[in-house]
């Protein structure tokens, strides 16, 4: 598995877990995970997991900044995957010659 894909898997697992932990802490009125951490992870590739956690856990759904950042993160992940597939295709074509 290419390093970029491992990175995306890792950062999405981290953000999904942190969103769940933050939701639990909110319900228990405990110390919360700072929003800047959740948003930073979302823009750094965790957008898909952030959005999924938002929907599944009904967490941060009223804050428009989370919607915006997570959708930007999703777009960046899609762009990365598209670009990496183009690079992979061109490398494979070069190897076949």
N, C-alpha and C. Protein backbone atom coordinates (compact mmCIF):
# COMPACT_ATOMS: atom_id res chain seq x y z
N UNK A 1 0.86 -1.18 0.00
CA UNK A 1 0.00 0.00 0.00
C UNK A 1 0.90 1.24 0.00
N UNK A 2 0.67 2.16 -0.93
CA UNK A 2 1.49 3.38 -1.00
C UNK A 2 1.40 4.19 0.30
N UNK A 3 2.47 4.93 0.57
CA UNK A 3 2.54 5.72 1.80
C UNK A 3 1.41 6.73 1.93
N UNK A 4 1.03 7.34 0.83
CA UNK A 4 -0.06 8.31 0.87
C UNK A 4 -1.37 7.70 1.33
N UNK A 5 -1.65 6.49 0.87
CA UNK A 5 -2.87 5.80 1.28
C UNK A 5 -2.82 5.41 2.75
N UNK A 6 -1.63 4.99 3.22
CA UNK A 6 -1.48 4.67 4.64
C UNK A 6 -1.69 5.92 5.50
N UNK A 7 -1.15 7.03 5.03
CA UNK A 7 -1.34 8.30 5.74
C UNK A 7 -2.83 8.63 5.85
N UNK A 8 -3.55 8.53 4.72
CA UNK A 8 -4.98 8.85 4.74
C UNK A 8 -5.75 7.91 5.66
N UNK A 9 -5.42 6.64 5.62
CA UNK A 9 -6.08 5.68 6.51
C UNK A 9 -5.83 6.05 7.97
N UNK A 10 -4.58 6.33 8.30
CA UNK A 10 -4.20 6.66 9.67
C UNK A 10 -4.88 7.93 10.16
N UNK A 11 -4.82 8.99 9.38
CA UNK A 11 -5.38 10.26 9.84
C UNK A 11 -6.91 10.18 9.95
N UNK A 12 -7.55 9.40 9.08
CA UNK A 12 -8.99 9.24 9.17
C UNK A 12 -9.39 8.42 10.39
N UNK A 13 -8.63 7.39 10.71
CA UNK A 13 -8.90 6.61 11.92
C UNK A 13 -8.72 7.47 13.17
N UNK A 14 -7.68 8.28 13.18
CA UNK A 14 -7.43 9.17 14.32
C UNK A 14 -8.58 10.15 14.50
N UNK A 15 -8.98 10.83 13.43
CA UNK A 15 -10.04 11.83 13.54
C UNK A 15 -11.37 11.20 13.93
N UNK A 16 -11.70 10.06 13.33
CA UNK A 16 -12.95 9.39 13.68
C UNK A 16 -12.98 9.04 15.17
N UNK A 17 -11.86 8.53 15.66
CA UNK A 17 -11.77 8.17 17.08
C UNK A 17 -11.87 9.41 17.97
N UNK A 18 -11.17 10.48 17.59
CA UNK A 18 -11.23 11.70 18.39
C UNK A 18 -12.62 12.32 18.41
N UNK A 19 -13.33 12.24 17.30
CA UNK A 19 -14.70 12.75 17.27
C UNK A 19 -15.59 11.95 18.22
N UNK A 20 -15.39 10.63 18.24
CA UNK A 20 -16.17 9.78 19.15
C UNK A 20 -15.84 10.11 20.61
N UNK A 21 -14.55 10.24 20.89
CA UNK A 21 -14.11 10.55 22.25
C UNK A 21 -14.66 11.91 22.67
N UNK A 22 -14.60 12.90 21.78
CA UNK A 22 -15.10 14.23 22.12
C UNK A 22 -16.60 14.21 22.38
N UNK A 23 -17.33 13.44 21.60
CA UNK A 23 -18.77 13.33 21.82
C UNK A 23 -19.06 12.73 23.20
N UNK A 24 -18.33 11.66 23.54
CA UNK A 24 -18.51 11.02 24.85
C UNK A 24 -18.18 11.99 25.99
N UNK A 25 -17.10 12.73 25.81
CA UNK A 25 -16.71 13.70 26.84
C UNK A 25 -17.75 14.81 26.96
N UNK A 26 -18.33 15.22 25.86
CA UNK A 26 -19.37 16.25 25.89
C UNK A 26 -20.58 15.75 26.68
N UNK A 27 -20.97 14.50 26.45
CA UNK A 27 -22.11 13.93 27.16
C UNK A 27 -21.85 13.84 28.66
N UNK A 28 -20.60 13.61 29.03
CA UNK A 28 -20.22 13.46 30.45
C UNK A 28 -19.76 14.77 31.07
N UNK A 29 -19.78 15.83 30.29
CA UNK A 29 -19.33 17.16 30.71
C UNK A 29 -17.89 17.11 31.24
N UNK A 30 -17.04 16.43 30.49
CA UNK A 30 -15.62 16.32 30.83
C UNK A 30 -14.81 17.25 29.93
N UNK A 31 -13.50 17.26 30.17
CA UNK A 31 -12.58 18.06 29.36
C UNK A 31 -12.67 17.62 27.90
N UNK A 32 -12.80 18.59 27.01
CA UNK A 32 -13.03 18.31 25.59
C UNK A 32 -11.76 18.42 24.77
N UNK A 33 -11.79 17.80 23.61
CA UNK A 33 -10.71 17.92 22.63
C UNK A 33 -10.88 19.28 21.94
N UNK A 34 -9.81 20.06 21.86
CA UNK A 34 -9.94 21.39 21.23
C UNK A 34 -10.43 21.29 19.78
N UNK A 35 -11.32 22.20 19.42
CA UNK A 35 -11.86 22.20 18.06
C UNK A 35 -10.78 22.39 17.01
N UNK A 36 -9.75 23.15 17.33
CA UNK A 36 -8.69 23.39 16.34
C UNK A 36 -7.99 22.09 15.95
N UNK A 37 -7.91 21.14 16.86
CA UNK A 37 -7.30 19.83 16.55
C UNK A 37 -8.20 19.06 15.59
N UNK A 38 -9.49 19.04 15.87
CA UNK A 38 -10.44 18.33 15.01
C UNK A 38 -10.48 18.95 13.61
N UNK A 39 -10.45 20.27 13.56
CA UNK A 39 -10.48 20.96 12.27
C UNK A 39 -9.17 20.77 11.49
N UNK A 40 -8.05 20.83 12.20
CA UNK A 40 -6.75 20.65 11.54
C UNK A 40 -6.64 19.26 10.93
N UNK A 41 -7.05 18.25 11.68
CA UNK A 41 -7.00 16.88 11.15
C UNK A 41 -7.94 16.73 9.95
N UNK A 42 -9.06 17.43 10.00
CA UNK A 42 -10.00 17.38 8.88
C UNK A 42 -9.43 17.94 7.60
N UNK A 43 -8.70 19.04 7.70
CA UNK A 43 -8.15 19.67 6.51
C UNK A 43 -6.89 18.94 6.03
N UNK A 44 -6.24 18.20 6.93
CA UNK A 44 -5.02 17.46 6.57
C UNK A 44 -5.30 16.08 6.01
N UNK A 45 -6.54 15.80 5.65
CA UNK A 45 -6.87 14.53 5.02
C UNK A 45 -7.92 13.72 5.74
N UNK A 46 -8.35 14.18 6.91
CA UNK A 46 -9.34 13.42 7.67
C UNK A 46 -10.78 13.83 7.41
N UNK A 47 -11.00 14.62 6.38
CA UNK A 47 -12.35 15.10 6.06
C UNK A 47 -13.39 14.00 5.95
N UNK A 48 -13.11 12.90 5.23
CA UNK A 48 -14.12 11.84 5.12
C UNK A 48 -14.54 11.26 6.47
N UNK A 49 -13.58 10.98 7.33
CA UNK A 49 -13.90 10.41 8.64
C UNK A 49 -14.56 11.46 9.54
N UNK A 50 -14.13 12.71 9.43
CA UNK A 50 -14.75 13.77 10.21
C UNK A 50 -16.21 13.93 9.87
N UNK A 51 -16.50 13.94 8.58
CA UNK A 51 -17.89 14.08 8.14
C UNK A 51 -18.71 12.86 8.57
N UNK A 52 -18.16 11.67 8.39
CA UNK A 52 -18.88 10.45 8.78
C UNK A 52 -19.16 10.43 10.29
N UNK A 53 -18.16 10.79 11.08
CA UNK A 53 -18.34 10.83 12.54
C UNK A 53 -19.37 11.89 12.92
N UNK A 54 -19.35 13.02 12.22
CA UNK A 54 -20.32 14.08 12.50
C UNK A 54 -21.74 13.56 12.31
N UNK A 55 -21.94 12.82 11.23
CA UNK A 55 -23.28 12.30 10.92
C UNK A 55 -23.66 11.15 11.87
N UNK A 56 -22.76 10.22 12.07
CA UNK A 56 -23.07 9.06 12.90
C UNK A 56 -23.29 9.41 14.37
N UNK A 57 -22.44 10.30 14.89
CA UNK A 57 -22.51 10.64 16.31
C UNK A 57 -23.33 11.90 16.59
N UNK A 58 -23.84 12.54 15.54
CA UNK A 58 -24.58 13.81 15.68
C UNK A 58 -23.76 14.79 16.50
N UNK A 59 -22.51 14.95 16.09
CA UNK A 59 -21.56 15.76 16.85
C UNK A 59 -21.01 16.88 15.97
N UNK A 60 -21.06 18.09 16.47
CA UNK A 60 -20.59 19.29 15.78
C UNK A 60 -21.42 19.61 14.55
N UNK A 61 -22.63 19.10 14.47
CA UNK A 61 -23.45 19.30 13.27
C UNK A 61 -23.99 20.73 13.16
N UNK A 62 -24.06 21.45 14.24
CA UNK A 62 -24.58 22.83 14.19
C UNK A 62 -23.51 23.86 13.85
N UNK A 63 -22.26 23.44 13.88
CA UNK A 63 -21.17 24.36 13.61
C UNK A 63 -20.79 24.29 12.13
N UNK A 64 -21.10 25.36 11.43
CA UNK A 64 -20.91 25.40 9.98
C UNK A 64 -19.44 25.23 9.59
N UNK A 65 -18.52 25.70 10.44
CA UNK A 65 -17.09 25.59 10.12
C UNK A 65 -16.68 24.13 9.98
N UNK A 66 -17.28 23.23 10.74
CA UNK A 66 -16.95 21.81 10.62
C UNK A 66 -17.44 21.26 9.29
N UNK A 67 -18.61 21.65 8.86
CA UNK A 67 -19.12 21.23 7.55
C UNK A 67 -18.17 21.71 6.44
N UNK A 68 -17.81 22.98 6.51
CA UNK A 68 -16.96 23.55 5.47
C UNK A 68 -15.59 22.87 5.43
N UNK A 69 -14.94 22.78 6.59
CA UNK A 69 -13.59 22.19 6.64
C UNK A 69 -13.61 20.73 6.24
N UNK A 70 -14.60 19.97 6.71
CA UNK A 70 -14.62 18.54 6.37
C UNK A 70 -14.91 18.33 4.89
N UNK A 71 -15.75 19.16 4.28
CA UNK A 71 -15.98 19.02 2.84
C UNK A 71 -14.75 19.46 2.04
N UNK A 72 -14.04 20.45 2.51
CA UNK A 72 -12.77 20.81 1.86
C UNK A 72 -11.80 19.65 1.98
N UNK A 73 -11.75 19.04 3.17
CA UNK A 73 -10.88 17.87 3.37
C UNK A 73 -11.24 16.72 2.46
N UNK A 74 -12.53 16.50 2.27
CA UNK A 74 -12.98 15.43 1.35
C UNK A 74 -12.51 15.75 -0.07
N UNK A 75 -12.66 17.01 -0.47
CA UNK A 75 -12.20 17.41 -1.80
C UNK A 75 -10.71 17.22 -1.99
N UNK A 76 -9.93 17.55 -0.96
CA UNK A 76 -8.48 17.37 -1.05
C UNK A 76 -8.10 15.89 -1.14
N UNK A 77 -8.81 15.05 -0.40
CA UNK A 77 -8.55 13.61 -0.47
C UNK A 77 -8.88 13.09 -1.86
N UNK A 78 -10.00 13.53 -2.40
CA UNK A 78 -10.38 13.10 -3.75
C UNK A 78 -9.35 13.56 -4.77
N UNK A 79 -8.88 14.79 -4.63
CA UNK A 79 -7.85 15.31 -5.54
C UNK A 79 -6.57 14.49 -5.42
N UNK A 80 -6.16 14.19 -4.19
CA UNK A 80 -4.96 13.37 -3.98
C UNK A 80 -5.11 12.00 -4.63
N UNK A 81 -6.25 11.36 -4.39
CA UNK A 81 -6.46 10.02 -4.95
C UNK A 81 -6.49 10.07 -6.48
N UNK A 82 -7.10 11.10 -7.02
CA UNK A 82 -7.15 11.24 -8.48
C UNK A 82 -5.75 11.46 -9.04
N UNK A 83 -5.00 12.37 -8.41
CA UNK A 83 -3.63 12.65 -8.88
C UNK A 83 -2.74 11.42 -8.73
N UNK A 84 -2.87 10.71 -7.62
CA UNK A 84 -2.01 9.53 -7.43
C UNK A 84 -2.37 8.43 -8.42
N UNK A 85 -3.64 8.36 -8.83
CA UNK A 85 -4.01 7.34 -9.82
C UNK A 85 -3.45 7.71 -11.20
N UNK A 86 -3.41 9.00 -11.52
CA UNK A 86 -2.83 9.45 -12.79
C UNK A 86 -1.33 9.14 -12.80
N UNK A 87 -0.66 9.43 -11.69
CA UNK A 87 0.77 9.15 -11.59
C UNK A 87 1.01 7.65 -11.72
N UNK A 88 0.21 6.84 -11.04
CA UNK A 88 0.35 5.39 -11.10
C UNK A 88 0.13 4.88 -12.52
N UNK A 89 -0.90 5.40 -13.20
CA UNK A 89 -1.17 4.98 -14.57
C UNK A 89 -0.01 5.34 -15.49
N UNK A 90 0.53 6.54 -15.35
CA UNK A 90 1.64 6.94 -16.21
C UNK A 90 2.89 6.11 -15.92
N UNK A 91 3.12 5.77 -14.66
CA UNK A 91 4.26 4.90 -14.34
C UNK A 91 4.08 3.52 -14.93
N UNK A 92 2.86 2.99 -14.83
CA UNK A 92 2.60 1.66 -15.39
C UNK A 92 2.75 1.67 -16.92
N UNK A 93 2.26 2.72 -17.55
CA UNK A 93 2.41 2.83 -19.01
C UNK A 93 3.89 2.89 -19.38
N UNK A 94 4.69 3.62 -18.62
CA UNK A 94 6.10 3.72 -18.89
C UNK A 94 6.81 2.39 -18.71
N UNK A 95 6.35 1.60 -17.77
CA UNK A 95 6.96 0.28 -17.53
C UNK A 95 6.59 -0.72 -18.62
N UNK A 96 5.44 -0.51 -19.24
CA UNK A 96 4.97 -1.45 -20.27
C UNK A 96 5.68 -1.23 -21.61
N UNK A 97 6.30 -0.08 -21.78
CA UNK A 97 6.95 0.23 -23.06
C UNK A 97 8.23 -0.52 -23.21
